[in-house]
Amino acid sequence: MSINYKSESKFEVFYYPVSTYKVLPITRSSASLMGHTDSVICSAFSPDSRMLITGSGDTTVRMWDIQTQTPFKEIEGTNWIMVLSWAPDGSKFAFGDKNGLIRVYREEDDYLVSLKGHTKWIMSLSWEPLHLNEGCTMLASSSKDATMRIWNAETGVCLRAFGNHTKCITKVIWGGEGNIYSCSEDQRIVCWNHAGQYRH
């Protein structure tokens, strides 16, 4: 059946609510995670978004349950916690402090290993991508000491160290094709291949 109507015809529309949605204003705080006794410097969600880790000037890392908004683990560092990074598979995370110490924590068996080698505070951490290393055993780090290091995160052994930069390395990124990129205050971005050879 066809209906003839003009552009200005009026129709009655019938509707009824199916669901009710309550939208909170974005300016309203829904919760506060209390516990650190000094400035919170860094934070990171686990890959499945179920856990949050935070690092503070009180030299501790706290693990939080997002559902209950409560801390369930506290790990002591040696100085301010500067950076945090979850492994791609969510099995462990690494954190670096102002003393240049990196520690890797695995919740499954409460395993904690120290990675020692940097002489100044840690600026950045980056795991080898999951599709290149399913075991998530390789970790790259950069420091204010102008060096970048590649670690075996399970044993704490430094596999390779790079010193091409002349100033603080502010960021290190492990690319999907295996190349590693480092950014520095010396105004250069350096690319390394998976064997640690300088590319450009």
N, C-alpha and C. Protein backbone atom coordinates (compact mmCIF):
# COMPACT_ATOMS: atom_id res chain seq x y z
N MET A 1 0.84 -1.19 0.00
CA MET A 1 0.00 0.00 0.00
C MET A 1 0.88 1.24 0.00
N SER A 2 0.62 2.13 -0.89
CA SER A 2 1.43 3.34 -0.97
C SER A 2 0.73 4.47 -0.21
N ILE A 3 1.53 5.35 0.36
CA ILE A 3 0.99 6.48 1.10
C ILE A 3 1.40 7.76 0.38
N ASN A 4 0.40 8.57 0.09
CA ASN A 4 0.70 9.84 -0.55
C ASN A 4 0.84 10.92 0.52
N TYR A 5 1.94 11.63 0.50
CA TYR A 5 2.15 12.68 1.49
C TYR A 5 2.96 13.79 0.86
N LYS A 6 2.82 14.95 1.46
CA LYS A 6 3.57 16.11 1.02
C LYS A 6 4.76 16.33 1.93
N SER A 7 5.64 17.19 1.54
CA SER A 7 6.85 17.43 2.33
C SER A 7 6.55 18.00 3.70
N GLU A 8 5.38 18.59 3.88
CA GLU A 8 5.02 19.18 5.16
C GLU A 8 3.93 18.39 5.87
N SER A 9 3.72 17.15 5.48
CA SER A 9 2.72 16.31 6.13
C SER A 9 3.16 15.97 7.55
N LYS A 10 2.20 15.72 8.45
CA LYS A 10 2.49 15.38 9.82
C LYS A 10 2.12 13.93 10.07
N PHE A 11 2.97 13.24 10.86
CA PHE A 11 2.73 11.85 11.20
C PHE A 11 2.80 11.68 12.72
N GLU A 12 2.03 10.78 13.24
CA GLU A 12 2.12 10.45 14.65
C GLU A 12 3.16 9.34 14.83
N VAL A 13 4.08 9.53 15.76
CA VAL A 13 5.12 8.55 16.04
C VAL A 13 4.91 8.01 17.45
N PHE A 14 4.83 6.70 17.57
CA PHE A 14 4.63 6.07 18.86
C PHE A 14 5.94 5.42 19.31
N TYR A 15 6.29 5.61 20.56
CA TYR A 15 7.54 5.04 21.08
C TYR A 15 7.38 4.73 22.55
N TYR A 16 8.27 3.90 23.06
CA TYR A 16 8.31 3.60 24.48
C TYR A 16 9.75 3.28 24.85
N PRO A 17 10.16 3.58 26.08
CA PRO A 17 11.56 3.35 26.50
C PRO A 17 11.86 1.85 26.60
N VAL A 18 13.02 1.47 26.10
CA VAL A 18 13.46 0.08 26.18
C VAL A 18 14.45 -0.09 27.33
N SER A 19 15.35 0.87 27.48
CA SER A 19 16.34 0.82 28.55
C SER A 19 16.53 2.22 29.12
N THR A 20 17.02 2.25 30.34
CA THR A 20 17.31 3.53 30.99
C THR A 20 18.80 3.65 31.20
N TYR A 21 19.38 4.73 30.75
CA TYR A 21 20.81 4.97 30.88
C TYR A 21 21.04 6.19 31.77
N LYS A 22 21.94 6.03 32.69
CA LYS A 22 22.31 7.15 33.56
C LYS A 22 23.73 7.56 33.22
N VAL A 23 23.89 8.79 32.81
CA VAL A 23 25.19 9.31 32.41
C VAL A 23 25.67 10.27 33.49
N LEU A 24 26.83 9.95 34.08
CA LEU A 24 27.39 10.83 35.10
C LEU A 24 28.15 11.98 34.46
N PRO A 25 28.08 13.15 35.03
CA PRO A 25 28.88 14.27 34.50
C PRO A 25 30.36 13.93 34.53
N ILE A 26 31.10 14.32 33.50
CA ILE A 26 32.51 13.96 33.44
C ILE A 26 33.34 14.69 34.50
N THR A 27 32.77 15.69 35.10
CA THR A 27 33.51 16.43 36.13
C THR A 27 33.36 15.78 37.51
N ARG A 28 32.55 14.76 37.62
CA ARG A 28 32.31 14.14 38.92
C ARG A 28 33.26 12.97 39.14
N SER A 29 33.92 12.93 40.28
CA SER A 29 34.81 11.83 40.63
C SER A 29 34.00 10.67 41.19
N SER A 30 34.18 9.49 40.62
CA SER A 30 33.42 8.33 41.07
C SER A 30 34.12 7.58 42.19
N ALA A 31 35.44 7.76 42.33
CA ALA A 31 36.18 7.06 43.38
C ALA A 31 37.55 7.69 43.55
N SER A 32 38.14 7.48 44.71
CA SER A 32 39.51 7.90 44.98
C SER A 32 40.28 6.71 45.52
N LEU A 33 41.46 6.51 44.98
CA LEU A 33 42.32 5.41 45.42
C LEU A 33 43.36 5.99 46.37
N MET A 34 43.17 5.75 47.63
CA MET A 34 44.01 6.35 48.66
C MET A 34 45.04 5.34 49.18
N GLY A 35 46.23 5.82 49.52
CA GLY A 35 47.22 4.93 50.09
C GLY A 35 48.64 5.44 49.98
N HIS A 36 49.01 6.01 48.83
CA HIS A 36 50.36 6.55 48.69
C HIS A 36 50.56 7.74 49.63
N THR A 37 51.79 7.88 50.10
CA THR A 37 52.09 8.96 51.05
C THR A 37 52.92 10.08 50.42
N ASP A 38 53.18 9.98 49.11
CA ASP A 38 53.90 11.04 48.39
C ASP A 38 53.31 11.11 46.98
N SER A 39 53.84 11.99 46.15
CA SER A 39 53.30 12.20 44.81
C SER A 39 53.23 10.91 44.01
N VAL A 40 52.11 10.72 43.31
CA VAL A 40 51.97 9.60 42.38
C VAL A 40 52.57 10.04 41.05
N ILE A 41 53.60 9.33 40.58
CA ILE A 41 54.37 9.77 39.42
C ILE A 41 53.95 9.05 38.14
N CYS A 42 53.55 7.79 38.26
CA CYS A 42 53.22 7.03 37.05
C CYS A 42 52.14 6.00 37.38
N SER A 43 51.44 5.57 36.34
CA SER A 43 50.40 4.56 36.50
C SER A 43 50.22 3.81 35.19
N ALA A 44 49.68 2.59 35.26
CA ALA A 44 49.48 1.80 34.06
C ALA A 44 48.43 0.73 34.30
N PHE A 45 47.48 0.58 33.36
CA PHE A 45 46.49 -0.47 33.43
C PHE A 45 47.07 -1.76 32.86
N SER A 46 46.63 -2.89 33.42
CA SER A 46 47.00 -4.18 32.85
C SER A 46 46.34 -4.32 31.48
N PRO A 47 46.86 -5.17 30.60
CA PRO A 47 46.28 -5.31 29.27
C PRO A 47 44.79 -5.65 29.27
N ASP A 48 44.32 -6.38 30.29
CA ASP A 48 42.89 -6.70 30.35
C ASP A 48 42.08 -5.66 31.13
N SER A 49 42.74 -4.59 31.57
CA SER A 49 42.11 -3.45 32.26
C SER A 49 41.50 -3.82 33.61
N ARG A 50 41.86 -4.95 34.18
CA ARG A 50 41.29 -5.37 35.46
C ARG A 50 42.13 -4.89 36.65
N MET A 51 43.38 -4.56 36.38
CA MET A 51 44.26 -4.11 37.45
C MET A 51 44.95 -2.81 37.06
N LEU A 52 45.27 -2.03 38.07
CA LEU A 52 46.00 -0.79 37.89
C LEU A 52 47.22 -0.82 38.80
N ILE A 53 48.35 -0.39 38.28
CA ILE A 53 49.53 -0.23 39.11
C ILE A 53 49.91 1.24 39.13
N THR A 54 50.41 1.68 40.28
CA THR A 54 50.81 3.08 40.43
C THR A 54 52.18 3.14 41.11
N GLY A 55 52.97 4.09 40.68
CA GLY A 55 54.29 4.30 41.27
C GLY A 55 54.36 5.69 41.89
N SER A 56 55.07 5.80 43.00
CA SER A 56 55.02 7.04 43.78
C SER A 56 56.39 7.48 44.27
N GLY A 57 56.43 8.72 44.71
CA GLY A 57 57.62 9.25 45.36
C GLY A 57 57.83 8.66 46.74
N ASP A 58 56.85 7.90 47.24
CA ASP A 58 57.05 7.22 48.52
C ASP A 58 57.83 5.92 48.36
N THR A 59 58.37 5.69 47.15
CA THR A 59 59.23 4.55 46.78
C THR A 59 58.47 3.23 46.68
N THR A 60 57.15 3.26 46.58
CA THR A 60 56.40 2.01 46.47
C THR A 60 55.62 1.93 45.17
N VAL A 61 55.36 0.70 44.75
CA VAL A 61 54.43 0.40 43.67
C VAL A 61 53.23 -0.29 44.31
N ARG A 62 52.03 0.17 43.97
CA ARG A 62 50.82 -0.44 44.49
C ARG A 62 50.01 -1.06 43.35
N MET A 63 49.48 -2.24 43.60
CA MET A 63 48.58 -2.90 42.67
C MET A 63 47.16 -2.76 43.20
N TRP A 64 46.26 -2.31 42.31
CA TRP A 64 44.88 -2.02 42.73
C TRP A 64 43.90 -2.91 41.98
N ASP A 65 42.89 -3.38 42.69
CA ASP A 65 41.77 -4.07 42.09
C ASP A 65 40.75 -3.01 41.67
N ILE A 66 40.51 -2.88 40.38
CA ILE A 66 39.64 -1.82 39.88
C ILE A 66 38.19 -2.05 40.30
N GLN A 67 37.78 -3.31 40.42
CA GLN A 67 36.39 -3.60 40.80
C GLN A 67 36.09 -3.13 42.23
N THR A 68 37.00 -3.40 43.14
CA THR A 68 36.78 -3.02 44.55
C THR A 68 37.45 -1.71 44.91
N GLN A 69 38.34 -1.22 44.00
CA GLN A 69 39.06 0.04 44.20
C GLN A 69 39.90 0.00 45.47
N THR A 70 40.51 -1.15 45.71
CA THR A 70 41.36 -1.33 46.89
C THR A 70 42.72 -1.88 46.48
N PRO A 71 43.79 -1.56 47.22
CA PRO A 71 45.11 -2.12 46.92
C PRO A 71 45.22 -3.53 47.50
N PHE A 72 45.86 -4.43 46.75
CA PHE A 72 46.05 -5.78 47.27
C PHE A 72 47.51 -6.21 47.29
N LYS A 73 48.41 -5.32 46.82
CA LYS A 73 49.83 -5.64 46.86
C LYS A 73 50.63 -4.35 46.86
N GLU A 74 51.68 -4.31 47.69
CA GLU A 74 52.59 -3.17 47.72
C GLU A 74 54.01 -3.69 47.58
N ILE A 75 54.76 -3.09 46.65
CA ILE A 75 56.14 -3.52 46.39
C ILE A 75 57.07 -2.35 46.68
N GLU A 76 58.09 -2.59 47.44
CA GLU A 76 59.04 -1.55 47.81
C GLU A 76 60.09 -1.34 46.71
N GLY A 77 60.35 -0.08 46.40
CA GLY A 77 61.46 0.26 45.51
C GLY A 77 62.61 0.82 46.33
N THR A 78 63.59 1.39 45.67
CA THR A 78 64.73 1.96 46.38
C THR A 78 64.74 3.49 46.32
N ASN A 79 63.88 4.05 45.47
CA ASN A 79 63.79 5.50 45.33
C ASN A 79 62.47 5.81 44.63
N TRP A 80 62.27 7.04 44.22
CA TRP A 80 61.05 7.40 43.51
C TRP A 80 60.83 6.45 42.34
N ILE A 81 59.60 5.98 42.16
CA ILE A 81 59.26 5.13 41.02
C ILE A 81 58.95 6.04 39.83
N MET A 82 59.76 5.95 38.79
CA MET A 82 59.66 6.90 37.67
C MET A 82 58.80 6.40 36.51
N VAL A 83 58.78 5.08 36.29
CA VAL A 83 58.08 4.55 35.12
C VAL A 83 57.60 3.13 35.40
N LEU A 84 56.47 2.77 34.80
CA LEU A 84 55.87 1.44 34.93
C LEU A 84 55.51 0.93 33.55
N SER A 85 55.56 -0.40 33.37
CA SER A 85 55.17 -0.96 32.07
C SER A 85 54.74 -2.42 32.24
N TRP A 86 53.52 -2.73 31.80
CA TRP A 86 53.04 -4.11 31.81
C TRP A 86 53.60 -4.88 30.63
N ALA A 87 53.90 -6.16 30.84
CA ALA A 87 54.23 -7.05 29.72
C ALA A 87 52.99 -7.23 28.87
N PRO A 88 53.14 -7.42 27.55
CA PRO A 88 51.97 -7.50 26.66
C PRO A 88 50.98 -8.59 27.03
N ASP A 89 51.45 -9.68 27.65
CA ASP A 89 50.53 -10.76 28.01
C ASP A 89 49.93 -10.58 29.39
N GLY A 90 50.29 -9.52 30.10
CA GLY A 90 49.73 -9.23 31.40
C GLY A 90 50.25 -10.10 32.53
N SER A 91 51.27 -10.92 32.27
CA SER A 91 51.76 -11.85 33.29
C SER A 91 52.68 -11.18 34.31
N LYS A 92 53.23 -10.04 33.95
CA LYS A 92 54.19 -9.36 34.83
C LYS A 92 54.30 -7.90 34.42
N PHE A 93 54.97 -7.12 35.25
CA PHE A 93 55.22 -5.73 34.90
C PHE A 93 56.60 -5.33 35.40
N ALA A 94 57.12 -4.27 34.81
CA ALA A 94 58.43 -3.76 35.19
C ALA A 94 58.28 -2.33 35.69
N PHE A 95 59.15 -1.95 36.61
CA PHE A 95 59.17 -0.56 37.07
C PHE A 95 60.61 -0.12 37.30
N GLY A 96 60.86 1.15 37.01
CA GLY A 96 62.20 1.71 37.17
C GLY A 96 62.18 2.90 38.11
N ASP A 97 63.25 3.06 38.88
CA ASP A 97 63.26 4.13 39.87
C ASP A 97 64.38 5.14 39.63
N LYS A 98 64.46 6.09 40.52
CA LYS A 98 65.38 7.21 40.37
C LYS A 98 66.83 6.81 40.61
N ASN A 99 67.05 5.64 41.21
CA ASN A 99 68.42 5.14 41.41
C ASN A 99 68.97 4.42 40.19
N GLY A 100 68.12 4.21 39.17
CA GLY A 100 68.56 3.48 37.99
C GLY A 100 68.29 1.99 38.07
N LEU A 101 67.57 1.56 39.09
CA LEU A 101 67.24 0.14 39.26
C LEU A 101 65.91 -0.18 38.59
N ILE A 102 65.88 -1.29 37.85
CA ILE A 102 64.64 -1.79 37.25
C ILE A 102 64.30 -3.10 37.95
N ARG A 103 63.02 -3.28 38.26
CA ARG A 103 62.58 -4.53 38.87
C ARG A 103 61.39 -5.06 38.08
N VAL A 104 61.33 -6.37 37.96
CA VAL A 104 60.24 -7.04 37.25
C VAL A 104 59.48 -7.90 38.25
N TYR A 105 58.17 -7.72 38.30
CA TYR A 105 57.35 -8.48 39.24
C TYR A 105 56.36 -9.36 38.50
N ARG A 106 56.29 -10.63 38.88
CA ARG A 106 55.34 -11.57 38.32
C ARG A 106 54.41 -12.01 39.43
N GLU A 107 53.14 -11.68 39.32
CA GLU A 107 52.17 -11.94 40.39
C GLU A 107 51.92 -13.43 40.60
N GLU A 108 51.95 -14.20 39.54
CA GLU A 108 51.59 -15.62 39.60
C GLU A 108 52.32 -16.36 40.72
N ASP A 109 53.63 -16.09 40.82
CA ASP A 109 54.42 -16.78 41.85
C ASP A 109 55.17 -15.81 42.75
N ASP A 110 54.70 -14.55 42.78
CA ASP A 110 55.32 -13.52 43.62
C ASP A 110 56.81 -13.38 43.32
N TYR A 111 57.15 -13.48 42.03
CA TYR A 111 58.56 -13.47 41.58
C TYR A 111 59.01 -12.04 41.33
N LEU A 112 60.14 -11.67 41.89
CA LEU A 112 60.67 -10.32 41.72
C LEU A 112 62.15 -10.42 41.39
N VAL A 113 62.55 -9.82 40.26
CA VAL A 113 63.95 -9.86 39.84
C VAL A 113 64.43 -8.43 39.60
N SER A 114 65.69 -8.16 39.95
CA SER A 114 66.27 -6.83 39.78
C SER A 114 67.17 -6.79 38.55
N LEU A 115 67.07 -5.71 37.79
CA LEU A 115 67.88 -5.49 36.61
C LEU A 115 68.80 -4.30 36.89
N LYS A 116 70.08 -4.57 37.09
CA LYS A 116 71.03 -3.55 37.50
C LYS A 116 72.02 -3.24 36.38
N GLY A 117 72.26 -1.95 36.15
CA GLY A 117 73.20 -1.55 35.11
C GLY A 117 73.18 -0.05 34.85
N HIS A 118 72.01 0.55 34.82
CA HIS A 118 71.91 2.00 34.63
C HIS A 118 72.44 2.73 35.86
N THR A 119 73.02 3.89 35.62
CA THR A 119 73.62 4.66 36.72
C THR A 119 72.80 5.88 37.11
N LYS A 120 71.78 6.20 36.33
CA LYS A 120 70.88 7.31 36.67
C LYS A 120 69.45 6.85 36.48
N TRP A 121 68.49 7.73 36.79
CA TRP A 121 67.11 7.26 36.86
C TRP A 121 66.58 6.78 35.51
N ILE A 122 65.63 5.86 35.60
CA ILE A 122 65.04 5.23 34.43
C ILE A 122 63.98 6.15 33.83
N MET A 123 64.05 6.35 32.52
CA MET A 123 63.12 7.24 31.84
C MET A 123 62.00 6.50 31.11
N SER A 124 62.29 5.31 30.59
CA SER A 124 61.31 4.63 29.76
C SER A 124 61.56 3.12 29.74
N LEU A 125 60.48 2.35 29.60
CA LEU A 125 60.56 0.90 29.49
C LEU A 125 59.67 0.45 28.33
N SER A 126 60.11 -0.56 27.59
CA SER A 126 59.30 -1.06 26.48
C SER A 126 59.55 -2.55 26.30
N TRP A 127 58.48 -3.34 26.27
CA TRP A 127 58.60 -4.78 26.08
C TRP A 127 58.64 -5.13 24.61
N GLU A 128 59.31 -6.24 24.28
CA GLU A 128 59.26 -6.74 22.91
C GLU A 128 57.82 -7.14 22.61
N PRO A 129 57.29 -6.79 21.43
CA PRO A 129 55.89 -7.08 21.11
C PRO A 129 55.55 -8.57 21.24
N LEU A 130 54.31 -8.85 21.60
CA LEU A 130 53.87 -10.21 21.89
C LEU A 130 54.02 -11.13 20.69
N HIS A 131 53.77 -10.63 19.48
CA HIS A 131 53.86 -11.50 18.31
C HIS A 131 55.30 -11.87 17.96
N LEU A 132 56.26 -11.15 18.54
CA LEU A 132 57.67 -11.48 18.33
C LEU A 132 58.24 -12.32 19.46
N ASN A 133 57.59 -12.29 20.61
CA ASN A 133 58.10 -12.99 21.78
C ASN A 133 56.92 -13.33 22.69
N GLU A 134 56.34 -14.52 22.51
CA GLU A 134 55.15 -14.90 23.26
C GLU A 134 55.43 -15.05 24.76
N GLY A 135 56.67 -15.32 25.11
CA GLY A 135 57.02 -15.47 26.51
C GLY A 135 57.24 -14.16 27.23
N CYS A 136 57.28 -13.06 26.48
CA CYS A 136 57.49 -11.72 27.06
C CYS A 136 58.72 -11.71 27.97
N THR A 137 59.83 -12.13 27.42
CA THR A 137 61.06 -12.21 28.21
C THR A 137 62.02 -11.05 27.96
N MET A 138 61.77 -10.25 26.94
CA MET A 138 62.71 -9.21 26.55
C MET A 138 62.16 -7.82 26.86
N LEU A 139 63.01 -7.01 27.49
CA LEU A 139 62.62 -5.67 27.91
C LEU A 139 63.70 -4.68 27.53
N ALA A 140 63.28 -3.53 26.97
CA ALA A 140 64.21 -2.45 26.65
C ALA A 140 64.02 -1.32 27.66
N SER A 141 65.11 -0.67 28.03
CA SER A 141 65.03 0.44 28.98
C SER A 141 65.91 1.59 28.52
N SER A 142 65.54 2.79 28.92
CA SER A 142 66.39 3.96 28.65
C SER A 142 66.52 4.75 29.93
N SER A 143 67.61 5.53 29.99
CA SER A 143 67.94 6.20 31.24
C SER A 143 68.48 7.61 31.01
N LYS A 144 68.52 8.34 32.09
CA LYS A 144 69.13 9.67 32.08
C LYS A 144 70.64 9.59 31.92
N ASP A 145 71.20 8.37 32.05
CA ASP A 145 72.65 8.19 31.86
C ASP A 145 73.03 8.10 30.38
N ALA A 146 72.06 8.37 29.47
CA ALA A 146 72.26 8.41 28.01
C ALA A 146 72.51 7.03 27.40
N THR A 147 72.12 5.97 28.08
CA THR A 147 72.25 4.63 27.52
C THR A 147 70.90 3.95 27.42
N MET A 148 70.84 2.96 26.52
CA MET A 148 69.68 2.11 26.39
C MET A 148 70.16 0.67 26.57
N ARG A 149 69.36 -0.15 27.22
CA ARG A 149 69.75 -1.53 27.49
C ARG A 149 68.64 -2.49 27.13
N ILE A 150 69.04 -3.69 26.70
CA ILE A 150 68.12 -4.79 26.44
C ILE A 150 68.35 -5.85 27.50
N TRP A 151 67.26 -6.30 28.14
CA TRP A 151 67.35 -7.23 29.26
C TRP A 151 66.59 -8.51 29.01
N ASN A 152 67.06 -9.58 29.64
CA ASN A 152 66.23 -10.76 29.81
C ASN A 152 65.48 -10.55 31.12
N ALA A 153 64.18 -10.33 31.02
CA ALA A 153 63.38 -9.96 32.19
C ALA A 153 63.17 -11.12 33.15
N GLU A 154 63.47 -12.34 32.71
CA GLU A 154 63.31 -13.50 33.59
C GLU A 154 64.54 -13.70 34.47
N THR A 155 65.72 -13.44 33.91
CA THR A 155 66.97 -13.70 34.63
C THR A 155 67.63 -12.45 35.18
N GLY A 156 67.26 -11.28 34.64
CA GLY A 156 67.88 -10.03 35.06
C GLY A 156 69.19 -9.73 34.37
N VAL A 157 69.53 -10.51 33.35
CA VAL A 157 70.79 -10.33 32.63
C VAL A 157 70.65 -9.27 31.56
N CYS A 158 71.61 -8.34 31.51
CA CYS A 158 71.65 -7.33 30.45
C CYS A 158 72.28 -7.97 29.21
N LEU A 159 71.53 -8.04 28.13
CA LEU A 159 72.00 -8.70 26.91
C LEU A 159 72.77 -7.75 26.00
N ARG A 160 72.44 -6.48 26.07
CA ARG A 160 73.10 -5.51 25.19
C ARG A 160 72.92 -4.10 25.73
N ALA A 161 73.93 -3.27 25.57
CA ALA A 161 73.85 -1.87 25.99
C ALA A 161 74.26 -0.98 24.82
N PHE A 162 73.60 0.16 24.66
CA PHE A 162 73.86 1.08 23.57
C PHE A 162 74.20 2.46 24.12
N GLY A 163 75.20 3.09 23.55
CA GLY A 163 75.62 4.39 24.04
C GLY A 163 75.79 5.42 22.95
N ASN A 164 74.95 5.36 21.90
CA ASN A 164 75.09 6.27 20.77
C ASN A 164 74.64 7.68 21.10
N HIS A 165 73.71 7.84 22.01
CA HIS A 165 73.21 9.17 22.35
C HIS A 165 74.18 9.90 23.28
N THR A 166 74.09 11.22 23.28
CA THR A 166 74.98 12.03 24.11
C THR A 166 74.27 12.66 25.31
N LYS A 167 72.93 12.57 25.33
CA LYS A 167 72.16 13.11 26.44
C LYS A 167 71.09 12.10 26.85
N CYS A 168 70.33 12.48 27.85
CA CYS A 168 69.28 11.63 28.39
C CYS A 168 68.39 11.04 27.30
N ILE A 169 68.13 9.72 27.36
CA ILE A 169 67.22 9.06 26.43
C ILE A 169 65.83 9.08 27.08
N THR A 170 64.97 9.89 26.53
CA THR A 170 63.67 10.13 27.16
C THR A 170 62.63 9.06 26.86
N LYS A 171 62.80 8.34 25.74
CA LYS A 171 61.79 7.35 25.36
C LYS A 171 62.42 6.24 24.54
N VAL A 172 61.98 5.01 24.78
CA VAL A 172 62.39 3.87 23.97
C VAL A 172 61.13 3.11 23.58
N ILE A 173 61.03 2.74 22.29
CA ILE A 173 59.85 2.03 21.78
C ILE A 173 60.33 0.83 20.98
N TRP A 174 59.77 -0.34 21.29
CA TRP A 174 60.09 -1.57 20.56
C TRP A 174 59.03 -1.75 19.49
N GLY A 175 59.41 -1.57 18.22
CA GLY A 175 58.46 -1.61 17.12
C GLY A 175 58.02 -3.02 16.75
N GLY A 176 56.92 -3.09 16.01
CA GLY A 176 56.33 -4.37 15.63
C GLY A 176 57.16 -5.21 14.68
N GLU A 177 58.11 -4.60 13.99
CA GLU A 177 58.98 -5.35 13.08
C GLU A 177 60.31 -5.70 13.73
N GLY A 178 60.43 -5.42 15.01
CA GLY A 178 61.64 -5.78 15.73
C GLY A 178 62.63 -4.65 15.90
N ASN A 179 62.43 -3.54 15.19
CA ASN A 179 63.33 -2.40 15.37
C ASN A 179 63.03 -1.69 16.69
N ILE A 180 64.05 -1.10 17.27
CA ILE A 180 63.92 -0.37 18.52
C ILE A 180 64.26 1.10 18.25
N TYR A 181 63.41 1.99 18.73
CA TYR A 181 63.60 3.42 18.49
C TYR A 181 63.86 4.13 19.82
N SER A 182 64.89 4.96 19.82
CA SER A 182 65.21 5.71 21.04
C SER A 182 65.21 7.20 20.73
N CYS A 183 64.61 7.97 21.64
CA CYS A 183 64.50 9.43 21.49
C CYS A 183 65.30 10.08 22.62
N SER A 184 66.01 11.13 22.30
CA SER A 184 66.92 11.71 23.28
C SER A 184 66.84 13.22 23.32
N GLU A 185 67.33 13.76 24.44
CA GLU A 185 67.46 15.21 24.56
C GLU A 185 68.54 15.77 23.64
N ASP A 186 69.33 14.90 23.00
CA ASP A 186 70.32 15.38 22.03
C ASP A 186 69.68 15.67 20.67
N GLN A 187 68.32 15.65 20.64
CA GLN A 187 67.51 16.02 19.47
C GLN A 187 67.57 14.99 18.35
N ARG A 188 67.90 13.75 18.69
CA ARG A 188 67.95 12.70 17.67
C ARG A 188 67.03 11.54 18.04
N ILE A 189 66.48 10.90 17.00
CA ILE A 189 65.77 9.64 17.14
C ILE A 189 66.63 8.59 16.43
N VAL A 190 67.01 7.56 17.16
CA VAL A 190 67.88 6.53 16.61
C VAL A 190 67.11 5.23 16.47
N CYS A 191 67.29 4.55 15.35
CA CYS A 191 66.65 3.28 15.09
C CYS A 191 67.70 2.17 15.12
N TRP A 192 67.40 1.10 15.85
CA TRP A 192 68.29 -0.06 15.95
C TRP A 192 67.55 -1.29 15.44
N ASN A 193 68.27 -2.22 14.81
CA ASN A 193 67.60 -3.45 14.42
C ASN A 193 67.58 -4.42 15.58
N HIS A 194 66.96 -5.58 15.39
CA HIS A 194 66.77 -6.51 16.51
C HIS A 194 68.08 -7.05 17.05
N ALA A 195 69.15 -6.95 16.26
CA ALA A 195 70.46 -7.43 16.73
C ALA A 195 71.21 -6.34 17.49
N GLY A 196 70.61 -5.16 17.56
CA GLY A 196 71.24 -4.07 18.31
C GLY A 196 72.17 -3.22 17.46
N GLN A 197 72.11 -3.36 16.14
CA GLN A 197 72.98 -2.58 15.27
C GLN A 197 72.34 -1.23 14.95
N TYR A 198 73.16 -0.19 15.01
CA TYR A 198 72.69 1.17 14.71
C TYR A 198 72.30 1.24 13.25
N ARG A 199 71.10 1.81 12.97
CA ARG A 199 70.64 1.89 11.59
C ARG A 199 70.70 3.32 11.05
N HIS A 200 70.06 4.27 11.76
CA HIS A 200 70.09 5.66 11.30
C HIS A 200 69.53 6.57 12.38
